[in-house]
Amino acid sequence: MDRAIEWSDGRVVRMEVAVDVTDSMTAREELLKSQQNWRVAAGKGAGA
């Protein structure tokens, strides 16, 4: 997020906020791998 805000003394300053998404991306990758593993397992079970 990036925006200009007025400071208490009247100056206009820039406020920037950064968010670390490492944990979210790691969890998403693990979920996708798990889903893929289940699809593979289900596919092998259906053909057996």
N, C-alpha and C. Protein backbone atom coordinates (compact mmCIF):
# COMPACT_ATOMS: atom_id res chain seq x y z
N MET A 1 0.85 -1.16 0.00
CA MET A 1 0.00 0.00 0.00
C MET A 1 0.90 1.23 0.00
N ASP A 2 0.52 2.23 -0.71
CA ASP A 2 1.32 3.43 -0.85
C ASP A 2 0.37 4.61 -1.01
N ARG A 3 0.48 5.58 -0.10
CA ARG A 3 -0.38 6.76 -0.24
C ARG A 3 0.22 7.94 0.50
N ALA A 4 -0.22 9.14 0.15
CA ALA A 4 0.21 10.36 0.81
C ALA A 4 -0.76 10.66 1.95
N ILE A 5 -0.20 11.05 3.11
CA ILE A 5 -1.03 11.43 4.25
C ILE A 5 -0.51 12.75 4.81
N GLU A 6 -1.39 13.48 5.49
CA GLU A 6 -0.97 14.73 6.11
C GLU A 6 -0.50 14.44 7.53
N TRP A 7 0.73 14.87 7.83
CA TRP A 7 1.32 14.66 9.15
C TRP A 7 0.75 15.69 10.12
N SER A 8 0.94 15.49 11.41
CA SER A 8 0.36 16.38 12.41
C SER A 8 0.84 17.82 12.29
N ASP A 9 2.02 18.05 11.72
CA ASP A 9 2.53 19.42 11.57
C ASP A 9 2.18 20.04 10.22
N GLY A 10 1.33 19.36 9.43
CA GLY A 10 0.87 19.91 8.17
C GLY A 10 1.61 19.41 6.95
N ARG A 11 2.77 18.78 7.14
CA ARG A 11 3.52 18.25 5.99
C ARG A 11 2.76 17.08 5.38
N VAL A 12 2.89 16.93 4.06
CA VAL A 12 2.34 15.77 3.38
C VAL A 12 3.49 14.77 3.25
N VAL A 13 3.27 13.59 3.78
CA VAL A 13 4.31 12.55 3.76
C VAL A 13 3.77 11.31 3.07
N ARG A 14 4.67 10.47 2.64
CA ARG A 14 4.27 9.23 1.99
C ARG A 14 4.27 8.10 3.02
N MET A 15 3.18 7.33 3.03
CA MET A 15 3.08 6.18 3.90
C MET A 15 3.12 4.94 3.02
N GLU A 16 4.02 4.03 3.33
CA GLU A 16 4.12 2.78 2.58
C GLU A 16 4.04 1.62 3.55
N VAL A 17 3.29 0.58 3.17
CA VAL A 17 3.15 -0.61 3.99
C VAL A 17 3.50 -1.81 3.13
N ALA A 18 4.36 -2.67 3.66
CA ALA A 18 4.73 -3.89 2.96
C ALA A 18 4.27 -5.08 3.79
N VAL A 19 3.84 -6.12 3.12
CA VAL A 19 3.36 -7.32 3.80
C VAL A 19 4.17 -8.52 3.32
N ASP A 20 4.70 -9.27 4.26
CA ASP A 20 5.45 -10.48 3.93
C ASP A 20 4.46 -11.60 3.63
N VAL A 21 4.46 -12.10 2.40
CA VAL A 21 3.52 -13.14 1.99
C VAL A 21 4.20 -14.51 1.88
N THR A 22 5.40 -14.64 2.43
CA THR A 22 6.16 -15.88 2.31
C THR A 22 5.38 -17.07 2.86
N ASP A 23 4.83 -16.93 4.07
CA ASP A 23 4.09 -18.05 4.68
C ASP A 23 2.86 -18.42 3.85
N SER A 24 2.15 -17.43 3.34
CA SER A 24 0.97 -17.71 2.51
C SER A 24 1.34 -18.43 1.23
N MET A 25 2.41 -18.00 0.59
CA MET A 25 2.84 -18.64 -0.66
C MET A 25 3.33 -20.06 -0.41
N THR A 26 4.04 -20.27 0.70
CA THR A 26 4.51 -21.61 1.05
C THR A 26 3.33 -22.54 1.30
N ALA A 27 2.34 -22.07 2.04
CA ALA A 27 1.15 -22.87 2.32
C ALA A 27 0.41 -23.20 1.04
N ARG A 28 0.31 -22.24 0.13
CA ARG A 28 -0.37 -22.46 -1.14
C ARG A 28 0.35 -23.53 -1.97
N GLU A 29 1.68 -23.45 -2.02
CA GLU A 29 2.45 -24.44 -2.77
C GLU A 29 2.28 -25.84 -2.17
N GLU A 30 2.29 -25.93 -0.84
CA GLU A 30 2.09 -27.22 -0.18
C GLU A 30 0.70 -27.77 -0.46
N LEU A 31 -0.30 -26.92 -0.46
CA LEU A 31 -1.66 -27.34 -0.76
C LEU A 31 -1.76 -27.87 -2.19
N LEU A 32 -1.17 -27.16 -3.15
CA LEU A 32 -1.20 -27.61 -4.54
C LEU A 32 -0.50 -28.95 -4.71
N LYS A 33 0.62 -29.15 -4.03
CA LYS A 33 1.32 -30.44 -4.09
C LYS A 33 0.47 -31.55 -3.51
N SER A 34 -0.18 -31.27 -2.37
CA SER A 34 -1.05 -32.26 -1.73
C SER A 34 -2.22 -32.63 -2.64
N GLN A 35 -2.82 -31.62 -3.26
CA GLN A 35 -3.94 -31.89 -4.17
C GLN A 35 -3.48 -32.75 -5.35
N GLN A 36 -2.31 -32.44 -5.86
CA GLN A 36 -1.78 -33.22 -6.97
C GLN A 36 -1.52 -34.67 -6.54
N ASN A 37 -0.97 -34.86 -5.35
CA ASN A 37 -0.73 -36.21 -4.85
C ASN A 37 -2.03 -36.99 -4.71
N TRP A 38 -3.08 -36.34 -4.22
CA TRP A 38 -4.38 -37.00 -4.09
C TRP A 38 -4.96 -37.37 -5.46
N ARG A 39 -4.79 -36.49 -6.44
CA ARG A 39 -5.28 -36.80 -7.79
C ARG A 39 -4.57 -38.02 -8.35
N VAL A 40 -3.25 -38.06 -8.16
CA VAL A 40 -2.47 -39.20 -8.65
C VAL A 40 -2.92 -40.48 -7.95
N ALA A 41 -3.06 -40.42 -6.63
CA ALA A 41 -3.47 -41.60 -5.86
C ALA A 41 -4.87 -42.05 -6.27
N ALA A 42 -5.78 -41.11 -6.47
CA ALA A 42 -7.14 -41.45 -6.87
C ALA A 42 -7.17 -42.05 -8.26
N GLY A 43 -6.33 -41.55 -9.14
CA GLY A 43 -6.26 -42.07 -10.50
C GLY A 43 -5.74 -43.50 -10.53
N LYS A 44 -4.73 -43.80 -9.71
CA LYS A 44 -4.20 -45.17 -9.64
C LYS A 44 -5.20 -46.12 -9.04
N GLY A 45 -5.96 -45.65 -8.04
CA GLY A 45 -6.95 -46.51 -7.41
C GLY A 45 -8.10 -46.83 -8.32
N ALA A 46 -8.48 -45.93 -9.19
CA ALA A 46 -9.60 -46.13 -10.09
C ALA A 46 -9.27 -47.15 -11.16
N GLY A 47 -7.99 -47.21 -11.53
CA GLY A 47 -7.60 -48.14 -12.61
C GLY A 47 -7.23 -49.52 -12.11
N ALA A 48 -7.13 -49.69 -10.83
CA ALA A 48 -6.67 -50.97 -10.26
C ALA A 48 -7.78 -51.97 -10.13
